[in-house]
Amino acid sequence: ADEMIDLIEDIAVREGELADLLAGGAN
């Protein structure tokens, strides 16, 4: 859960490779 909280913040600003990947959606 703690990493999820951090990852959500990162997705919104596309910070980091994992977050940027997830920001593009499932396809």
PDB file of all heavy atoms in Angstrom:
ATOM      1  N   ALA A   1       0.816  -1.216   0.000  1.00  0.00           N
ATOM      2  CA  ALA A   1       0.000   0.000   0.000  1.00  0.00           C
ATOM      3  C   ALA A   1       0.847   1.262   0.000  1.00  0.00           C
ATOM      4  O   ALA A   1       0.495   2.260  -0.645  1.00  0.00           O
ATOM      5  CB  ALA A   1      -0.947  -0.009   1.201  1.00  0.00           C
ATOM      6  N   ASP A   2       1.967   1.257   0.724  1.00  0.00           N
ATOM      7  CA  ASP A   2       2.805   2.459   0.759  1.00  0.00           C
ATOM      8  C   ASP A   2       3.403   2.762  -0.608  1.00  0.00           C
ATOM      9  O   ASP A   2       3.452   3.926  -1.035  1.00  0.00           O
ATOM     10  CB  ASP A   2       3.913   2.290   1.800  1.00  0.00           C
ATOM     11  CG  ASP A   2       3.405   2.466   3.219  1.00  0.00           C
ATOM     12  OD1 ASP A   2       2.495   3.295   3.422  1.00  0.00           O
ATOM     13  OD2 ASP A   2       3.883   1.767   4.120  1.00  0.00           O
ATOM     14  N   GLU A   3       3.850   1.729  -1.314  1.00  0.00           N
ATOM     15  CA  GLU A   3       4.392   1.950  -2.656  1.00  0.00           C
ATOM     16  C   GLU A   3       3.292   2.352  -3.625  1.00  0.00           C
ATOM     17  O   GLU A   3       3.521   3.118  -4.561  1.00  0.00           O
ATOM     18  CB  GLU A   3       5.131   0.701  -3.147  1.00  0.00           C
ATOM     19  CG  GLU A   3       6.446   0.434  -2.431  1.00  0.00           C
ATOM     20  CD  GLU A   3       7.405   1.614  -2.506  1.00  0.00           C
ATOM     21  OE1 GLU A   3       7.560   2.197  -3.608  1.00  0.00           O
ATOM     22  OE2 GLU A   3       7.981   1.975  -1.461  1.00  0.00           O
ATOM     23  N   MET A   4       2.080   1.846  -3.416  1.00  0.00           N
ATOM     24  CA  MET A   4       0.951   2.252  -4.254  1.00  0.00           C
ATOM     25  C   MET A   4       0.699   3.747  -4.123  1.00  0.00           C
ATOM     26  O   MET A   4       0.469   4.440  -5.117  1.00  0.00           O
ATOM     27  CB  MET A   4      -0.310   1.466  -3.875  1.00  0.00           C
ATOM     28  CG  MET A   4      -0.270  -0.012  -4.232  1.00  0.00           C
ATOM     29  SD  MET A   4      -1.717  -0.912  -3.585  1.00  0.00           S
ATOM     30  CE  MET A   4      -3.028  -0.283  -4.656  1.00  0.00           C
ATOM     31  N   ILE A   5       0.735   4.252  -2.893  1.00  0.00           N
ATOM     32  CA  ILE A   5       0.515   5.685  -2.656  1.00  0.00           C
ATOM     33  C   ILE A   5       1.546   6.513  -3.412  1.00  0.00           C
ATOM     34  O   ILE A   5       1.209   7.510  -4.080  1.00  0.00           O
ATOM     35  CB  ILE A   5       0.548   5.981  -1.144  1.00  0.00           C
ATOM     36  CG1 ILE A   5      -0.706   5.406  -0.470  1.00  0.00           C
ATOM     37  CG2 ILE A   5       0.660   7.482  -0.879  1.00  0.00           C
ATOM     38  CD1 ILE A   5      -0.682   5.455   1.046  1.00  0.00           C
ATOM     39  N   ASP A   6       2.810   6.103  -3.336  1.00  0.00           N
ATOM     40  CA  ASP A   6       3.859   6.832  -4.054  1.00  0.00           C
ATOM     41  C   ASP A   6       3.694   6.722  -5.567  1.00  0.00           C
ATOM     42  O   ASP A   6       3.889   7.703  -6.303  1.00  0.00           O
ATOM     43  CB  ASP A   6       5.240   6.298  -3.652  1.00  0.00           C
ATOM     44  CG  ASP A   6       5.621   6.668  -2.223  1.00  0.00           C
ATOM     45  OD1 ASP A   6       4.970   7.565  -1.647  1.00  0.00           O
ATOM     46  OD2 ASP A   6       6.557   6.045  -1.685  1.00  0.00           O
ATOM     47  N   LEU A   7       3.318   5.522  -6.039  1.00  0.00           N
ATOM     48  CA  LEU A   7       3.204   5.299  -7.477  1.00  0.00           C
ATOM     49  C   LEU A   7       2.069   6.119  -8.083  1.00  0.00           C
ATOM     50  O   LEU A   7       2.192   6.624  -9.208  1.00  0.00           O
ATOM     51  CB  LEU A   7       2.998   3.805  -7.756  1.00  0.00           C
ATOM     52  CG  LEU A   7       2.938   3.376  -9.218  1.00  0.00           C
ATOM     53  CD1 LEU A   7       4.167   3.834  -9.997  1.00  0.00           C
ATOM     54  CD2 LEU A   7       2.773   1.848  -9.319  1.00  0.00           C
ATOM     55  N   ILE A   8       0.974   6.283  -7.348  1.00  0.00           N
ATOM     56  CA  ILE A   8      -0.142   7.091  -7.853  1.00  0.00           C
ATOM     57  C   ILE A   8       0.317   8.531  -8.108  1.00  0.00           C
ATOM     58  O   ILE A   8      -0.011   9.129  -9.145  1.00  0.00           O
ATOM     59  CB  ILE A   8      -1.327   7.043  -6.870  1.00  0.00           C
ATOM     60  CG1 ILE A   8      -1.973   5.655  -6.902  1.00  0.00           C
ATOM     61  CG2 ILE A   8      -2.368   8.115  -7.213  1.00  0.00           C
ATOM     62  CD1 ILE A   8      -2.986   5.419  -5.791  1.00  0.00           C
ATOM     63  N   GLU A   9       1.081   9.086  -7.178  1.00  0.00           N
ATOM     64  CA  GLU A   9       1.617  10.442  -7.370  1.00  0.00           C
ATOM     65  C   GLU A   9       2.509  10.490  -8.609  1.00  0.00           C
ATOM     66  O   GLU A   9       2.453  11.428  -9.411  1.00  0.00           O
ATOM     67  CB  GLU A   9       2.421  10.862  -6.138  1.00  0.00           C
ATOM     68  CG  GLU A   9       1.606  11.005  -4.862  1.00  0.00           C
ATOM     69  CD  GLU A   9       0.813  12.301  -4.793  1.00  0.00           C
ATOM     70  OE1 GLU A   9       1.113  13.220  -5.587  1.00  0.00           O
ATOM     71  OE2 GLU A   9      -0.097  12.385  -3.954  1.00  0.00           O
ATOM     72  N   ASP A  10       3.332   9.457  -8.782  1.00  0.00           N
ATOM     73  CA  ASP A  10       4.262   9.432  -9.910  1.00  0.00           C
ATOM     74  C   ASP A  10       3.537   9.291 -11.244  1.00  0.00           C
ATOM     75  O   ASP A  10       3.950   9.885 -12.249  1.00  0.00           O
ATOM     76  CB  ASP A  10       5.257   8.276  -9.746  1.00  0.00           C
ATOM     77  CG  ASP A  10       6.238   8.500  -8.603  1.00  0.00           C
ATOM     78  OD1 ASP A  10       6.368   9.654  -8.153  1.00  0.00           O
ATOM     79  OD2 ASP A  10       6.857   7.511  -8.151  1.00  0.00           O
ATOM     80  N   ILE A  11       2.465   8.508 -11.278  1.00  0.00           N
ATOM     81  CA  ILE A  11       1.713   8.323 -12.523  1.00  0.00           C
ATOM     82  C   ILE A  11       1.178   9.671 -13.018  1.00  0.00           C
ATOM     83  O   ILE A  11       1.255   9.989 -14.210  1.00  0.00           O
ATOM     84  CB  ILE A  11       0.556   7.322 -12.322  1.00  0.00           C
ATOM     85  CG1 ILE A  11       1.102   5.892 -12.166  1.00  0.00           C
ATOM     86  CG2 ILE A  11      -0.426   7.383 -13.496  1.00  0.00           C
ATOM     87  CD1 ILE A  11       0.048   4.882 -11.751  1.00  0.00           C
ATOM     88  N   ALA A  12       0.635  10.467 -12.101  1.00  0.00           N
ATOM     89  CA  ALA A  12       0.010  11.738 -12.497  1.00  0.00           C
ATOM     90  C   ALA A  12       0.995  12.686 -13.159  1.00  0.00           C
ATOM     91  O   ALA A  12       0.621  13.462 -14.047  1.00  0.00           O
ATOM     92  CB  ALA A  12      -0.624  12.407 -11.283  1.00  0.00           C
ATOM     93  N   VAL A  13       2.262  12.622 -12.739  1.00  0.00           N
ATOM     94  CA  VAL A  13       3.268  13.520 -13.314  1.00  0.00           C
ATOM     95  C   VAL A  13       4.233  12.772 -14.229  1.00  0.00           C
ATOM     96  O   VAL A  13       5.204  13.345 -14.719  1.00  0.00           O
ATOM     97  CB  VAL A  13       4.047  14.253 -12.201  1.00  0.00           C
ATOM     98  CG1 VAL A  13       3.113  15.177 -11.424  1.00  0.00           C
ATOM     99  CG2 VAL A  13       4.737  13.281 -11.258  1.00  0.00           C
ATOM    100  N   ARG A  14       3.958  11.485 -14.451  1.00  0.00           N
ATOM    101  CA  ARG A  14       4.776  10.620 -15.314  1.00  0.00           C
ATOM    102  C   ARG A  14       6.244  10.629 -14.872  1.00  0.00           C
ATOM    103  O   ARG A  14       7.154  10.754 -15.703  1.00  0.00           O
ATOM    104  CB  ARG A  14       4.649  11.041 -16.783  1.00  0.00           C
ATOM    105  CG  ARG A  14       3.267  10.790 -17.382  1.00  0.00           C
ATOM    106  CD  ARG A  14       3.206  11.267 -18.807  1.00  0.00           C
ATOM    107  NE  ARG A  14       1.971  10.883 -19.483  1.00  0.00           N
ATOM    108  CZ  ARG A  14       1.821   9.842 -20.299  1.00  0.00           C
ATOM    109  NH1 ARG A  14       2.851   9.044 -20.540  1.00  0.00           N
ATOM    110  NH2 ARG A  14       0.666   9.579 -20.886  1.00  0.00           N
ATOM    111  N   GLU A  15       6.455  10.473 -13.587  1.00  0.00           N
ATOM    112  CA  GLU A  15       7.811  10.492 -13.050  1.00  0.00           C
ATOM    113  C   GLU A  15       8.302   9.061 -12.831  1.00  0.00           C
ATOM    114  O   GLU A  15       7.723   8.309 -12.038  1.00  0.00           O
ATOM    115  CB  GLU A  15       7.859  11.261 -11.730  1.00  0.00           C
ATOM    116  CG  GLU A  15       9.257  11.366 -11.139  1.00  0.00           C
ATOM    117  CD  GLU A  15       9.315  12.260  -9.924  1.00  0.00           C
ATOM    118  OE1 GLU A  15       8.640  13.316  -9.930  1.00  0.00           O
ATOM    119  OE2 GLU A  15      10.014  11.910  -8.969  1.00  0.00           O
ATOM    120  N   GLY A  16       9.357   8.670 -13.512  1.00  0.00           N
ATOM    121  CA  GLY A  16       9.898   7.330 -13.400  1.00  0.00           C
ATOM    122  C   GLY A  16       9.390   6.438 -14.520  1.00  0.00           C
ATOM    123  O   GLY A  16       8.304   6.649 -15.072  1.00  0.00           O
ATOM    124  N   GLU A  17      10.176   5.443 -14.855  1.00  0.00           N
ATOM    125  CA  GLU A  17       9.850   4.597 -16.007  1.00  0.00           C
ATOM    126  C   GLU A  17       8.577   3.783 -15.799  1.00  0.00           C
ATOM    127  O   GLU A  17       7.760   3.653 -16.722  1.00  0.00           O
ATOM    128  CB  GLU A  17      11.030   3.669 -16.314  1.00  0.00           C
ATOM    129  CG  GLU A  17      12.261   4.399 -16.835  1.00  0.00           C
ATOM    130  CD  GLU A  17      13.428   3.471 -17.081  1.00  0.00           C
ATOM    131  OE1 GLU A  17      13.976   2.941 -16.088  1.00  0.00           O
ATOM    132  OE2 GLU A  17      13.782   3.261 -18.256  1.00  0.00           O
ATOM    133  N   LEU A  18       8.405   3.215 -14.604  1.00  0.00           N
ATOM    134  CA  LEU A  18       7.199   2.429 -14.351  1.00  0.00           C
ATOM    135  C   LEU A  18       5.962   3.309 -14.417  1.00  0.00           C
ATOM    136  O   LEU A  18       4.970   2.959 -15.075  1.00  0.00           O
ATOM    137  CB  LEU A  18       7.288   1.735 -12.989  1.00  0.00           C
ATOM    138  CG  LEU A  18       6.044   0.936 -12.567  1.00  0.00           C
ATOM    139  CD1 LEU A  18       5.733  -0.174 -13.568  1.00  0.00           C
ATOM    140  CD2 LEU A  18       6.208   0.357 -11.167  1.00  0.00           C
ATOM    141  N   ALA A  19       5.990   4.459 -13.755  1.00  0.00           N
ATOM    142  CA  ALA A  19       4.837   5.357 -13.750  1.00  0.00           C
ATOM    143  C   ALA A  19       4.502   5.839 -15.154  1.00  0.00           C
ATOM    144  O   ALA A  19       3.323   5.893 -15.542  1.00  0.00           O
ATOM    145  CB  ALA A  19       5.114   6.552 -12.831  1.00  0.00           C
ATOM    146  N   ASP A  20       5.508   6.185 -15.941  1.00  0.00           N
ATOM    147  CA  ASP A  20       5.266   6.654 -17.300  1.00  0.00           C
ATOM    148  C   ASP A  20       4.652   5.549 -18.154  1.00  0.00           C
ATOM    149  O   ASP A  20       3.770   5.801 -18.978  1.00  0.00           O
ATOM    150  CB  ASP A  20       6.576   7.141 -17.914  1.00  0.00           C
ATOM    151  CG  ASP A  20       6.360   7.832 -19.251  1.00  0.00           C
ATOM    152  OD1 ASP A  20       5.562   8.784 -19.313  1.00  0.00           O
ATOM    153  OD2 ASP A  20       6.969   7.400 -20.250  1.00  0.00           O
ATOM    154  N   LEU A  21       5.115   4.320 -17.942  1.00  0.00           N
ATOM    155  CA  LEU A  21       4.540   3.180 -18.663  1.00  0.00           C
ATOM    156  C   LEU A  21       3.068   3.008 -18.309  1.00  0.00           C
ATOM    157  O   LEU A  21       2.211   2.883 -19.192  1.00  0.00           O
ATOM    158  CB  LEU A  21       5.310   1.907 -18.317  1.00  0.00           C
ATOM    159  CG  LEU A  21       4.771   0.603 -18.921  1.00  0.00           C
ATOM    160  CD1 LEU A  21       5.021   0.558 -20.424  1.00  0.00           C
ATOM    161  CD2 LEU A  21       5.391  -0.609 -18.234  1.00  0.00           C
ATOM    162  N   LEU A  22       2.761   3.035 -17.013  1.00  0.00           N
ATOM    163  CA  LEU A  22       1.383   2.822 -16.568  1.00  0.00           C
ATOM    164  C   LEU A  22       0.467   3.954 -17.005  1.00  0.00           C
ATOM    165  O   LEU A  22      -0.725   3.739 -17.224  1.00  0.00           O
ATOM    166  CB  LEU A  22       1.333   2.670 -15.049  1.00  0.00           C
ATOM    167  CG  LEU A  22       2.131   1.518 -14.427  1.00  0.00           C
ATOM    168  CD1 LEU A  22       1.814   1.386 -12.949  1.00  0.00           C
ATOM    169  CD2 LEU A  22       1.886   0.206 -15.144  1.00  0.00           C
ATOM    170  N   ALA A  23       1.001   5.165 -17.155  1.00  0.00           N
ATOM    171  CA  ALA A  23       0.186   6.308 -17.575  1.00  0.00           C
ATOM    172  C   ALA A  23      -0.373   6.140 -18.977  1.00  0.00           C
ATOM    173  O   ALA A  23      -1.351   6.792 -19.342  1.00  0.00           O
ATOM    174  CB  ALA A  23       1.013   7.593 -17.497  1.00  0.00           C
ATOM    175  N   GLY A  24       0.231   5.260 -19.771  1.00  0.00           N
ATOM    176  CA  GLY A  24      -0.235   5.043 -21.136  1.00  0.00           C
ATOM    177  C   GLY A  24      -1.433   4.133 -21.262  1.00  0.00           C
ATOM    178  O   GLY A  24      -2.020   4.027 -22.338  1.00  0.00           O
ATOM    179  N   GLY A  25      -1.830   3.449 -20.168  1.00  0.00           N
ATOM    180  CA  GLY A  25      -2.983   2.571 -20.208  1.00  0.00           C
ATOM    181  C   GLY A  25      -2.637   1.139 -20.559  1.00  0.00           C
ATOM    182  O   GLY A  25      -1.511   0.810 -20.942  1.00  0.00           O
ATOM    183  N   ALA A  26      -3.642   0.258 -20.424  1.00  0.00           N
ATOM    184  CA  ALA A  26      -3.419  -1.184 -20.545  1.00  0.00           C
ATOM    185  C   ALA A  26      -2.908  -1.596 -21.916  1.00  0.00           C
ATOM    186  O   ALA A  26      -2.002  -2.436 -22.025  1.00  0.00           O
ATOM    187  CB  ALA A  26      -4.712  -1.930 -20.214  1.00  0.00           C
ATOM    188  N   ASN A  27      -3.479  -1.055 -22.986  1.00  0.00           N
ATOM    189  CA  ASN A  27      -3.020  -1.443 -24.321  1.00  0.00           C
ATOM    190  C   ASN A  27      -1.569  -1.046 -24.548  1.00  0.00           C
ATOM    191  O   ASN A  27      -0.785  -1.800 -25.136  1.00  0.00           O
ATOM    192  CB  ASN A  27      -3.904  -0.810 -25.400  1.00  0.00           C
ATOM    193  CG  ASN A  27      -5.211  -1.559 -25.590  1.00  0.00           C
ATOM    194  OD1 ASN A  27      -5.474  -2.555 -24.926  1.00  0.00           O
ATOM    195  ND2 ASN A  27      -6.040  -1.069 -26.494  1.00  0.00           N
TER     196      ASN A  27
END
